[in-house]
Amino acid sequence: MRTFIAIELEKESKDVVYKAQSRLRKKLKGVKWVEYENFHITLKFLGETDEKKLEGVKRVLKEIGAQVKKFEISGGDFGAFPSPRRARVLFFGIDEGKTDILRLFEKLERKLGNLGFERDNKPYHPHVTVGRGKRRFFEVNDFLGLKAPFKQKVKSVTLFKSTLTPDGPIYTVIMRGELG
């Protein structure tokens, strides 16, 4: 099954992100917008994962949960990958808690590497994706001052199953690794 590990956003945080995303929706056409219920902060995309590896991932999440304390995060500025002049992925970054997320990411990379998952070859940048260019790049410099100023406590990391459908992905929680 197709899986990934993420930080879930609480309803109040999703509301703030959705409101900011709505401002972008009014101005940008040809974007595949992320649905409200799918807002999250990806920590690690695992891809196709068999049952044997899945059990190892669950153990890793429990171990990390016991080692990492809960922490606060806040949403930040609008941004785009690969750049605001040639945007393909539209997102809101993370301000407060970024260092904690990076530590969590590194722990996951190390422990999941021991299970045979490859390390990401790009630098990790914690964010909430809100849209993707379908077939072209966008110029989004005009939106760089936009913010999604949510605040929340990170209490767990979640292992999701991702089912791709013609209407978009459906994410199903497999397990939550509660933080200490």
N, C-alpha and C. Protein backbone atom coordinates (compact mmCIF):
# COMPACT_ATOMS: atom_id res chain seq x y z
N MET A 1 0.83 -1.19 0.00
CA MET A 1 0.00 0.00 0.00
C MET A 1 0.88 1.25 0.00
N ARG A 2 0.36 2.34 -0.50
CA ARG A 2 1.09 3.62 -0.60
C ARG A 2 0.95 4.33 0.75
N THR A 3 2.09 4.69 1.37
CA THR A 3 2.04 5.25 2.73
C THR A 3 2.94 6.47 2.88
N PHE A 4 2.64 7.24 3.92
CA PHE A 4 3.50 8.36 4.30
C PHE A 4 3.28 8.66 5.79
N ILE A 5 4.24 9.40 6.37
CA ILE A 5 4.18 9.80 7.77
C ILE A 5 4.05 11.31 7.81
N ALA A 6 3.14 11.81 8.67
CA ALA A 6 2.87 13.25 8.68
C ALA A 6 2.45 13.73 10.06
N ILE A 7 2.44 15.04 10.21
CA ILE A 7 1.85 15.71 11.35
C ILE A 7 0.47 16.16 10.90
N GLU A 8 -0.55 15.73 11.62
CA GLU A 8 -1.91 16.13 11.30
C GLU A 8 -2.16 17.56 11.79
N LEU A 9 -2.97 18.29 11.06
CA LEU A 9 -3.39 19.61 11.52
C LEU A 9 -4.74 19.49 12.21
N GLU A 10 -4.86 20.20 13.32
CA GLU A 10 -6.14 20.24 14.04
C GLU A 10 -7.13 21.07 13.23
N LYS A 11 -8.41 20.92 13.55
CA LYS A 11 -9.47 21.62 12.82
C LYS A 11 -9.23 23.13 12.77
N GLU A 12 -8.86 23.74 13.90
CA GLU A 12 -8.64 25.19 13.94
C GLU A 12 -7.50 25.60 13.01
N SER A 13 -6.46 24.78 12.94
CA SER A 13 -5.34 25.06 12.04
C SER A 13 -5.77 24.91 10.58
N LYS A 14 -6.53 23.87 10.29
CA LYS A 14 -7.04 23.67 8.94
C LYS A 14 -7.91 24.85 8.51
N ASP A 15 -8.71 25.36 9.44
CA ASP A 15 -9.57 26.50 9.12
C ASP A 15 -8.75 27.71 8.68
N VAL A 16 -7.65 27.97 9.39
CA VAL A 16 -6.78 29.11 9.06
C VAL A 16 -6.12 28.89 7.69
N VAL A 17 -5.62 27.68 7.46
CA VAL A 17 -4.97 27.37 6.17
C VAL A 17 -5.98 27.48 5.04
N TYR A 18 -7.19 26.99 5.25
CA TYR A 18 -8.22 27.04 4.21
C TYR A 18 -8.58 28.48 3.86
N LYS A 19 -8.68 29.32 4.89
CA LYS A 19 -9.00 30.73 4.64
C LYS A 19 -7.90 31.39 3.79
N ALA A 20 -6.65 31.11 4.11
CA ALA A 20 -5.53 31.66 3.33
C ALA A 20 -5.52 31.06 1.92
N GLN A 21 -5.78 29.76 1.81
CA GLN A 21 -5.83 29.11 0.51
C GLN A 21 -6.94 29.73 -0.36
N SER A 22 -8.06 30.09 0.26
CA SER A 22 -9.19 30.68 -0.48
C SER A 22 -8.79 31.97 -1.19
N ARG A 23 -7.91 32.74 -0.56
CA ARG A 23 -7.43 33.97 -1.21
C ARG A 23 -6.64 33.65 -2.47
N LEU A 24 -5.88 32.56 -2.44
CA LEU A 24 -5.13 32.13 -3.62
C LEU A 24 -6.06 31.59 -4.71
N ARG A 25 -7.08 30.83 -4.29
CA ARG A 25 -8.03 30.24 -5.23
C ARG A 25 -8.68 31.28 -6.12
N LYS A 26 -8.95 32.46 -5.54
CA LYS A 26 -9.62 33.52 -6.29
C LYS A 26 -8.76 34.06 -7.43
N LYS A 27 -7.43 33.96 -7.28
CA LYS A 27 -6.52 34.61 -8.23
C LYS A 27 -5.80 33.64 -9.18
N LEU A 28 -5.61 32.41 -8.75
CA LEU A 28 -4.82 31.46 -9.54
C LEU A 28 -5.70 30.39 -10.17
N LYS A 29 -5.60 30.24 -11.45
CA LYS A 29 -6.37 29.22 -12.18
C LYS A 29 -5.43 28.11 -12.65
N GLY A 30 -5.99 26.93 -12.89
CA GLY A 30 -5.19 25.81 -13.37
C GLY A 30 -4.41 25.12 -12.27
N VAL A 31 -4.84 25.32 -11.01
CA VAL A 31 -4.17 24.71 -9.86
C VAL A 31 -5.06 23.58 -9.34
N LYS A 32 -4.46 22.45 -9.00
CA LYS A 32 -5.17 21.37 -8.31
C LYS A 32 -5.04 21.67 -6.82
N TRP A 33 -6.13 22.11 -6.21
CA TRP A 33 -6.11 22.53 -4.81
C TRP A 33 -6.22 21.34 -3.87
N VAL A 34 -5.45 21.35 -2.80
CA VAL A 34 -5.51 20.31 -1.77
C VAL A 34 -6.81 20.51 -1.01
N GLU A 35 -7.52 19.42 -0.79
CA GLU A 35 -8.79 19.47 -0.05
C GLU A 35 -8.53 19.73 1.43
N TYR A 36 -9.46 20.42 2.05
CA TYR A 36 -9.40 20.80 3.47
C TYR A 36 -8.99 19.61 4.35
N GLU A 37 -9.65 18.47 4.15
CA GLU A 37 -9.39 17.32 5.03
C GLU A 37 -8.00 16.72 4.82
N ASN A 38 -7.32 17.11 3.74
CA ASN A 38 -5.99 16.55 3.45
C ASN A 38 -4.83 17.45 3.86
N PHE A 39 -5.08 18.59 4.50
CA PHE A 39 -3.98 19.44 4.97
C PHE A 39 -3.18 18.71 6.04
N HIS A 40 -1.86 18.71 5.89
CA HIS A 40 -0.95 18.06 6.85
C HIS A 40 0.47 18.55 6.56
N ILE A 41 1.39 18.14 7.42
CA ILE A 41 2.82 18.41 7.21
C ILE A 41 3.49 17.05 7.00
N THR A 42 3.89 16.77 5.77
CA THR A 42 4.53 15.49 5.49
C THR A 42 5.91 15.45 6.14
N LEU A 43 6.18 14.36 6.82
CA LEU A 43 7.51 14.13 7.39
C LEU A 43 8.32 13.19 6.49
N LYS A 44 7.64 12.16 5.97
CA LYS A 44 8.35 11.18 5.14
C LYS A 44 7.36 10.44 4.26
N PHE A 45 7.58 10.52 2.94
CA PHE A 45 6.80 9.73 2.00
C PHE A 45 7.49 8.38 1.88
N LEU A 46 6.76 7.30 2.16
CA LEU A 46 7.35 5.96 2.14
C LEU A 46 7.10 5.24 0.83
N GLY A 47 6.05 5.60 0.11
CA GLY A 47 5.72 4.93 -1.14
C GLY A 47 5.05 3.59 -0.87
N GLU A 48 5.18 2.69 -1.83
CA GLU A 48 4.57 1.36 -1.69
C GLU A 48 5.29 0.61 -0.56
N THR A 49 4.49 0.18 0.40
CA THR A 49 5.05 -0.43 1.61
C THR A 49 4.35 -1.76 1.87
N ASP A 50 5.13 -2.85 1.95
CA ASP A 50 4.51 -4.14 2.22
C ASP A 50 4.25 -4.32 3.72
N GLU A 51 3.49 -5.34 4.06
CA GLU A 51 3.07 -5.58 5.46
C GLU A 51 4.25 -5.73 6.41
N LYS A 52 5.29 -6.44 5.97
CA LYS A 52 6.45 -6.68 6.82
C LYS A 52 7.12 -5.35 7.19
N LYS A 53 7.35 -4.50 6.18
CA LYS A 53 7.97 -3.20 6.44
C LYS A 53 7.04 -2.31 7.26
N LEU A 54 5.74 -2.44 7.03
CA LEU A 54 4.76 -1.63 7.75
C LEU A 54 4.84 -1.87 9.26
N GLU A 55 5.06 -3.11 9.65
CA GLU A 55 5.20 -3.43 11.08
C GLU A 55 6.43 -2.74 11.66
N GLY A 56 7.51 -2.70 10.88
CA GLY A 56 8.71 -2.01 11.32
C GLY A 56 8.48 -0.51 11.46
N VAL A 57 7.74 0.08 10.53
CA VAL A 57 7.43 1.51 10.58
C VAL A 57 6.62 1.81 11.85
N LYS A 58 5.67 0.96 12.16
CA LYS A 58 4.85 1.15 13.38
C LYS A 58 5.74 1.12 14.63
N ARG A 59 6.69 0.19 14.66
CA ARG A 59 7.62 0.13 15.81
C ARG A 59 8.43 1.41 15.91
N VAL A 60 8.91 1.91 14.76
CA VAL A 60 9.70 3.14 14.75
C VAL A 60 8.87 4.30 15.29
N LEU A 61 7.63 4.41 14.89
CA LEU A 61 6.78 5.51 15.38
C LEU A 61 6.57 5.43 16.89
N LYS A 62 6.41 4.23 17.40
CA LYS A 62 6.27 4.06 18.86
C LYS A 62 7.56 4.45 19.58
N GLU A 63 8.71 4.03 19.04
CA GLU A 63 10.01 4.37 19.63
C GLU A 63 10.22 5.88 19.64
N ILE A 64 9.98 6.51 18.51
CA ILE A 64 10.18 7.96 18.41
C ILE A 64 9.21 8.69 19.33
N GLY A 65 7.99 8.20 19.39
CA GLY A 65 7.00 8.80 20.28
C GLY A 65 7.46 8.81 21.73
N ALA A 66 8.14 7.76 22.13
CA ALA A 66 8.65 7.69 23.50
C ALA A 66 9.84 8.62 23.73
N GLN A 67 10.55 8.98 22.66
CA GLN A 67 11.75 9.80 22.77
C GLN A 67 11.50 11.30 22.59
N VAL A 68 10.45 11.66 21.88
CA VAL A 68 10.21 13.06 21.50
C VAL A 68 9.05 13.63 22.31
N LYS A 69 9.28 14.80 22.89
CA LYS A 69 8.22 15.47 23.66
C LYS A 69 7.30 16.24 22.72
N LYS A 70 6.07 16.47 23.17
CA LYS A 70 5.13 17.31 22.43
C LYS A 70 5.74 18.70 22.27
N PHE A 71 5.38 19.39 21.18
CA PHE A 71 5.92 20.73 20.94
C PHE A 71 4.90 21.57 20.18
N GLU A 72 5.13 22.88 20.22
CA GLU A 72 4.24 23.85 19.55
C GLU A 72 4.75 24.16 18.15
N ILE A 73 3.80 24.37 17.24
CA ILE A 73 4.15 24.85 15.91
C ILE A 73 3.24 26.02 15.55
N SER A 74 3.70 26.82 14.60
CA SER A 74 2.85 27.87 14.06
C SER A 74 3.08 27.94 12.55
N GLY A 75 2.00 28.27 11.85
CA GLY A 75 2.07 28.41 10.41
C GLY A 75 2.69 29.73 10.03
N GLY A 76 3.26 29.76 8.85
CA GLY A 76 3.99 30.94 8.43
C GLY A 76 3.62 31.44 7.06
N ASP A 77 4.65 31.87 6.35
CA ASP A 77 4.50 32.55 5.07
C ASP A 77 4.17 31.61 3.92
N PHE A 78 3.51 32.18 2.93
CA PHE A 78 3.25 31.50 1.67
C PHE A 78 4.58 31.33 0.93
N GLY A 79 4.72 30.21 0.26
CA GLY A 79 5.90 29.96 -0.54
C GLY A 79 5.58 29.01 -1.68
N ALA A 80 6.59 28.72 -2.48
CA ALA A 80 6.38 27.86 -3.64
C ALA A 80 7.66 27.10 -3.98
N PHE A 81 7.49 25.89 -4.46
CA PHE A 81 8.60 25.08 -4.98
C PHE A 81 8.43 24.99 -6.49
N PRO A 82 9.45 24.99 -7.31
CA PRO A 82 10.83 25.19 -6.91
C PRO A 82 11.17 26.65 -6.60
N SER A 83 10.37 27.62 -7.09
CA SER A 83 10.61 29.02 -6.76
C SER A 83 9.32 29.81 -7.02
N PRO A 84 9.19 31.01 -6.44
CA PRO A 84 7.99 31.82 -6.68
C PRO A 84 7.83 32.24 -8.15
N ARG A 85 8.91 32.29 -8.90
CA ARG A 85 8.81 32.65 -10.32
C ARG A 85 8.37 31.48 -11.19
N ARG A 86 8.69 30.29 -10.72
CA ARG A 86 8.33 29.06 -11.46
C ARG A 86 7.73 28.07 -10.48
N ALA A 87 6.58 28.45 -9.94
CA ALA A 87 5.94 27.65 -8.88
C ALA A 87 5.21 26.45 -9.47
N ARG A 88 5.43 25.32 -8.84
CA ARG A 88 4.71 24.10 -9.19
C ARG A 88 3.92 23.62 -7.96
N VAL A 89 4.50 23.81 -6.77
CA VAL A 89 3.86 23.43 -5.52
C VAL A 89 3.68 24.69 -4.68
N LEU A 90 2.44 24.91 -4.21
CA LEU A 90 2.12 26.09 -3.40
C LEU A 90 1.95 25.62 -1.95
N PHE A 91 2.53 26.37 -1.00
CA PHE A 91 2.51 25.91 0.39
C PHE A 91 2.55 27.08 1.37
N PHE A 92 2.28 26.75 2.64
CA PHE A 92 2.53 27.66 3.75
C PHE A 92 3.59 26.99 4.62
N GLY A 93 4.63 27.76 4.92
CA GLY A 93 5.74 27.25 5.72
C GLY A 93 5.41 27.19 7.19
N ILE A 94 6.40 26.78 7.96
CA ILE A 94 6.27 26.67 9.42
C ILE A 94 7.25 27.66 10.04
N ASP A 95 6.78 28.43 11.01
CA ASP A 95 7.63 29.35 11.75
C ASP A 95 8.08 28.68 13.05
N GLU A 96 7.31 28.87 14.10
CA GLU A 96 7.63 28.26 15.40
C GLU A 96 7.56 26.74 15.29
N GLY A 97 8.53 26.07 15.89
CA GLY A 97 8.55 24.61 15.91
C GLY A 97 9.29 23.98 14.74
N LYS A 98 9.83 24.79 13.87
CA LYS A 98 10.54 24.26 12.70
C LYS A 98 11.72 23.38 13.12
N THR A 99 12.48 23.84 14.12
CA THR A 99 13.63 23.06 14.59
C THR A 99 13.19 21.72 15.17
N ASP A 100 12.08 21.72 15.91
CA ASP A 100 11.55 20.46 16.47
C ASP A 100 11.14 19.50 15.36
N ILE A 101 10.50 20.04 14.31
CA ILE A 101 10.09 19.19 13.19
C ILE A 101 11.32 18.63 12.48
N LEU A 102 12.35 19.46 12.31
CA LEU A 102 13.57 18.98 11.65
C LEU A 102 14.24 17.87 12.45
N ARG A 103 14.24 17.99 13.77
CA ARG A 103 14.81 16.91 14.63
C ARG A 103 14.00 15.62 14.47
N LEU A 104 12.68 15.77 14.45
CA LEU A 104 11.79 14.62 14.28
C LEU A 104 12.05 13.97 12.91
N PHE A 105 12.17 14.78 11.89
CA PHE A 105 12.46 14.29 10.55
C PHE A 105 13.77 13.50 10.53
N GLU A 106 14.81 14.05 11.15
CA GLU A 106 16.11 13.36 11.16
C GLU A 106 16.04 12.02 11.88
N LYS A 107 15.31 11.96 13.00
CA LYS A 107 15.13 10.69 13.71
C LYS A 107 14.44 9.67 12.81
N LEU A 108 13.39 10.13 12.11
CA LEU A 108 12.69 9.23 11.19
C LEU A 108 13.61 8.76 10.08
N GLU A 109 14.36 9.67 9.48
CA GLU A 109 15.29 9.30 8.40
C GLU A 109 16.25 8.21 8.86
N ARG A 110 16.83 8.41 10.05
CA ARG A 110 17.81 7.45 10.57
C ARG A 110 17.17 6.08 10.80
N LYS A 111 16.07 6.08 11.55
CA LYS A 111 15.45 4.80 11.94
C LYS A 111 14.81 4.09 10.74
N LEU A 112 14.21 4.86 9.85
CA LEU A 112 13.60 4.23 8.67
C LEU A 112 14.66 3.77 7.68
N GLY A 113 15.80 4.45 7.68
CA GLY A 113 16.92 3.99 6.86
C GLY A 113 17.36 2.60 7.27
N ASN A 114 17.32 2.32 8.58
CA ASN A 114 17.67 0.98 9.08
C ASN A 114 16.69 -0.08 8.59
N LEU A 115 15.49 0.34 8.18
CA LEU A 115 14.49 -0.60 7.66
C LEU A 115 14.56 -0.73 6.14
N GLY A 116 15.49 0.03 5.53
CA GLY A 116 15.65 -0.07 4.08
C GLY A 116 14.99 1.05 3.28
N PHE A 117 14.41 2.04 3.95
CA PHE A 117 13.84 3.19 3.24
C PHE A 117 14.97 4.15 2.89
N GLU A 118 14.95 4.65 1.66
CA GLU A 118 15.99 5.57 1.21
C GLU A 118 15.83 6.94 1.84
N ARG A 119 16.96 7.58 2.11
CA ARG A 119 16.94 8.96 2.58
C ARG A 119 16.50 9.88 1.45
N ASP A 120 15.82 10.95 1.81
CA ASP A 120 15.45 11.95 0.81
C ASP A 120 16.71 12.64 0.33
N ASN A 121 16.81 12.89 -0.98
CA ASN A 121 18.00 13.53 -1.51
C ASN A 121 17.87 15.05 -1.60
N LYS A 122 16.70 15.60 -1.25
CA LYS A 122 16.51 17.05 -1.23
C LYS A 122 16.48 17.52 0.22
N PRO A 123 16.89 18.76 0.48
CA PRO A 123 16.77 19.29 1.84
C PRO A 123 15.29 19.30 2.27
N TYR A 124 15.04 18.96 3.52
CA TYR A 124 13.67 18.91 4.03
C TYR A 124 13.22 20.31 4.46
N HIS A 125 12.04 20.69 4.02
CA HIS A 125 11.47 22.01 4.33
C HIS A 125 10.03 21.78 4.82
N PRO A 126 9.79 21.81 6.15
CA PRO A 126 8.43 21.54 6.64
C PRO A 126 7.43 22.58 6.14
N HIS A 127 6.28 22.08 5.66
CA HIS A 127 5.28 22.97 5.08
C HIS A 127 3.93 22.25 4.96
N VAL A 128 2.90 23.04 4.69
CA VAL A 128 1.56 22.51 4.39
C VAL A 128 1.28 22.83 2.93
N THR A 129 1.23 21.80 2.10
CA THR A 129 0.93 22.01 0.68
C THR A 129 -0.54 22.38 0.54
N VAL A 130 -0.82 23.43 -0.27
CA VAL A 130 -2.20 23.85 -0.48
C VAL A 130 -2.62 23.75 -1.95
N GLY A 131 -1.66 23.55 -2.87
CA GLY A 131 -2.01 23.41 -4.27
C GLY A 131 -0.82 22.99 -5.11
N ARG A 132 -1.13 22.44 -6.29
CA ARG A 132 -0.09 22.01 -7.22
C ARG A 132 -0.46 22.44 -8.63
N GLY A 133 0.53 22.88 -9.38
CA GLY A 133 0.30 23.21 -10.79
C GLY A 133 0.01 21.93 -11.56
N LYS A 134 -1.02 21.97 -12.37
CA LYS A 134 -1.40 20.76 -13.10
C LYS A 134 -0.40 20.46 -14.22
N ARG A 135 -0.23 21.40 -15.14
CA ARG A 135 0.63 21.13 -16.29
C ARG A 135 1.62 22.25 -16.57
N ARG A 136 1.62 23.25 -15.73
CA ARG A 136 2.51 24.37 -16.01
C ARG A 136 2.99 25.00 -14.70
N PHE A 137 3.94 25.90 -14.85
CA PHE A 137 4.45 26.64 -13.71
C PHE A 137 3.65 27.92 -13.55
N PHE A 138 3.66 28.48 -12.34
CA PHE A 138 2.98 29.73 -12.03
C PHE A 138 3.98 30.75 -11.53
N GLU A 139 3.65 32.00 -11.70
CA GLU A 139 4.41 33.10 -11.11
C GLU A 139 3.58 33.59 -9.94
N VAL A 140 4.10 33.47 -8.74
CA VAL A 140 3.30 33.77 -7.54
C VAL A 140 3.95 34.83 -6.63
N ASN A 141 4.88 35.62 -7.16
CA ASN A 141 5.55 36.63 -6.33
C ASN A 141 4.57 37.56 -5.63
N ASP A 142 3.42 37.85 -6.25
CA ASP A 142 2.44 38.77 -5.67
C ASP A 142 1.84 38.27 -4.36
N PHE A 143 1.98 36.99 -4.07
CA PHE A 143 1.36 36.41 -2.88
C PHE A 143 2.34 36.17 -1.74
N LEU A 144 3.59 36.57 -1.91
CA LEU A 144 4.62 36.21 -0.93
C LEU A 144 4.39 36.79 0.46
N GLY A 145 3.57 37.81 0.63
CA GLY A 145 3.29 38.34 1.95
C GLY A 145 2.15 37.63 2.68
N LEU A 146 1.45 36.73 1.98
CA LEU A 146 0.31 36.02 2.56
C LEU A 146 0.78 35.06 3.64
N LYS A 147 0.03 34.98 4.73
CA LYS A 147 0.37 34.09 5.85
C LYS A 147 -0.80 33.19 6.19
N ALA A 148 -0.50 32.08 6.83
CA ALA A 148 -1.50 31.19 7.44
C ALA A 148 -1.08 31.03 8.89
N PRO A 149 -1.44 32.00 9.75
CA PRO A 149 -0.90 32.04 11.12
C PRO A 149 -1.60 31.12 12.12
N PHE A 150 -1.60 29.82 11.83
CA PHE A 150 -2.19 28.89 12.80
C PHE A 150 -1.19 28.57 13.90
N LYS A 151 -1.71 28.09 15.03
CA LYS A 151 -0.87 27.62 16.14
C LYS A 151 -1.49 26.33 16.66
N GLN A 152 -0.65 25.38 16.99
CA GLN A 152 -1.16 24.15 17.59
C GLN A 152 -0.02 23.39 18.25
N LYS A 153 -0.41 22.44 19.09
CA LYS A 153 0.55 21.56 19.74
C LYS A 153 0.64 20.27 18.90
N VAL A 154 1.85 19.80 18.67
CA VAL A 154 2.05 18.53 17.99
C VAL A 154 2.12 17.46 19.07
N LYS A 155 1.13 16.57 19.05
CA LYS A 155 1.00 15.54 20.08
C LYS A 155 1.32 14.14 19.56
N SER A 156 1.38 14.00 18.21
CA SER A 156 1.61 12.69 17.62
C SER A 156 2.12 12.84 16.19
N VAL A 157 2.64 11.74 15.66
CA VAL A 157 2.93 11.63 14.24
C VAL A 157 2.05 10.50 13.71
N THR A 158 1.60 10.65 12.48
CA THR A 158 0.59 9.74 11.95
C THR A 158 1.11 9.02 10.71
N LEU A 159 0.88 7.71 10.69
CA LEU A 159 1.15 6.89 9.51
C LEU A 159 -0.15 6.81 8.72
N PHE A 160 -0.10 7.27 7.47
CA PHE A 160 -1.27 7.30 6.60
C PHE A 160 -1.13 6.31 5.45
N LYS A 161 -2.26 5.78 5.02
CA LYS A 161 -2.38 5.08 3.75
C LYS A 161 -2.95 6.10 2.78
N SER A 162 -2.42 6.18 1.57
CA SER A 162 -2.89 7.10 0.55
C SER A 162 -3.45 6.30 -0.61
N THR A 163 -4.75 6.47 -0.87
CA THR A 163 -5.40 5.80 -2.00
C THR A 163 -5.67 6.84 -3.07
N LEU A 164 -5.09 6.66 -4.24
CA LEU A 164 -5.28 7.61 -5.33
C LEU A 164 -6.58 7.30 -6.06
N THR A 165 -7.39 8.35 -6.28
CA THR A 165 -8.64 8.22 -7.01
C THR A 165 -8.70 9.33 -8.06
N PRO A 166 -9.59 9.22 -9.04
CA PRO A 166 -9.73 10.30 -10.03
C PRO A 166 -10.12 11.65 -9.40
N ASP A 167 -10.78 11.61 -8.25
CA ASP A 167 -11.19 12.84 -7.57
C ASP A 167 -10.13 13.37 -6.62
N GLY A 168 -9.01 12.70 -6.51
CA GLY A 168 -7.95 13.11 -5.60
C GLY A 168 -7.65 12.02 -4.59
N PRO A 169 -6.58 12.19 -3.81
CA PRO A 169 -6.19 11.15 -2.86
C PRO A 169 -7.13 11.08 -1.66
N ILE A 170 -7.26 9.87 -1.13
CA ILE A 170 -7.99 9.66 0.13
C ILE A 170 -6.97 9.16 1.13
N TYR A 171 -6.85 9.87 2.26
CA TYR A 171 -5.89 9.49 3.29
C TYR A 171 -6.62 8.80 4.43
N THR A 172 -6.08 7.64 4.82
CA THR A 172 -6.66 6.85 5.91
C THR A 172 -5.59 6.66 6.97
N VAL A 173 -5.94 6.94 8.23
CA VAL A 173 -4.99 6.77 9.33
C VAL A 173 -4.77 5.27 9.58
N ILE A 174 -3.50 4.88 9.58
CA ILE A 174 -3.14 3.50 9.94
C ILE A 174 -2.84 3.45 11.43
N MET A 175 -2.06 4.43 11.91
CA MET A 175 -1.75 4.52 13.35
C MET A 175 -1.19 5.89 13.68
N ARG A 176 -1.28 6.24 14.94
CA ARG A 176 -0.68 7.47 15.45
C ARG A 176 0.36 7.08 16.49
N GLY A 177 1.55 7.65 16.35
CA GLY A 177 2.60 7.48 17.35
C GLY A 177 2.54 8.66 18.29
N GLU A 178 1.99 8.46 19.46
CA GLU A 178 1.83 9.55 20.44
C GLU A 178 3.18 10.01 20.94
N LEU A 179 3.37 11.32 21.03
CA LEU A 179 4.63 11.88 21.53
C LEU A 179 4.59 11.94 23.05
N GLY A 180 5.79 11.79 23.66
CA GLY A 180 5.90 11.72 25.12
C GLY A 180 5.59 12.90 25.84
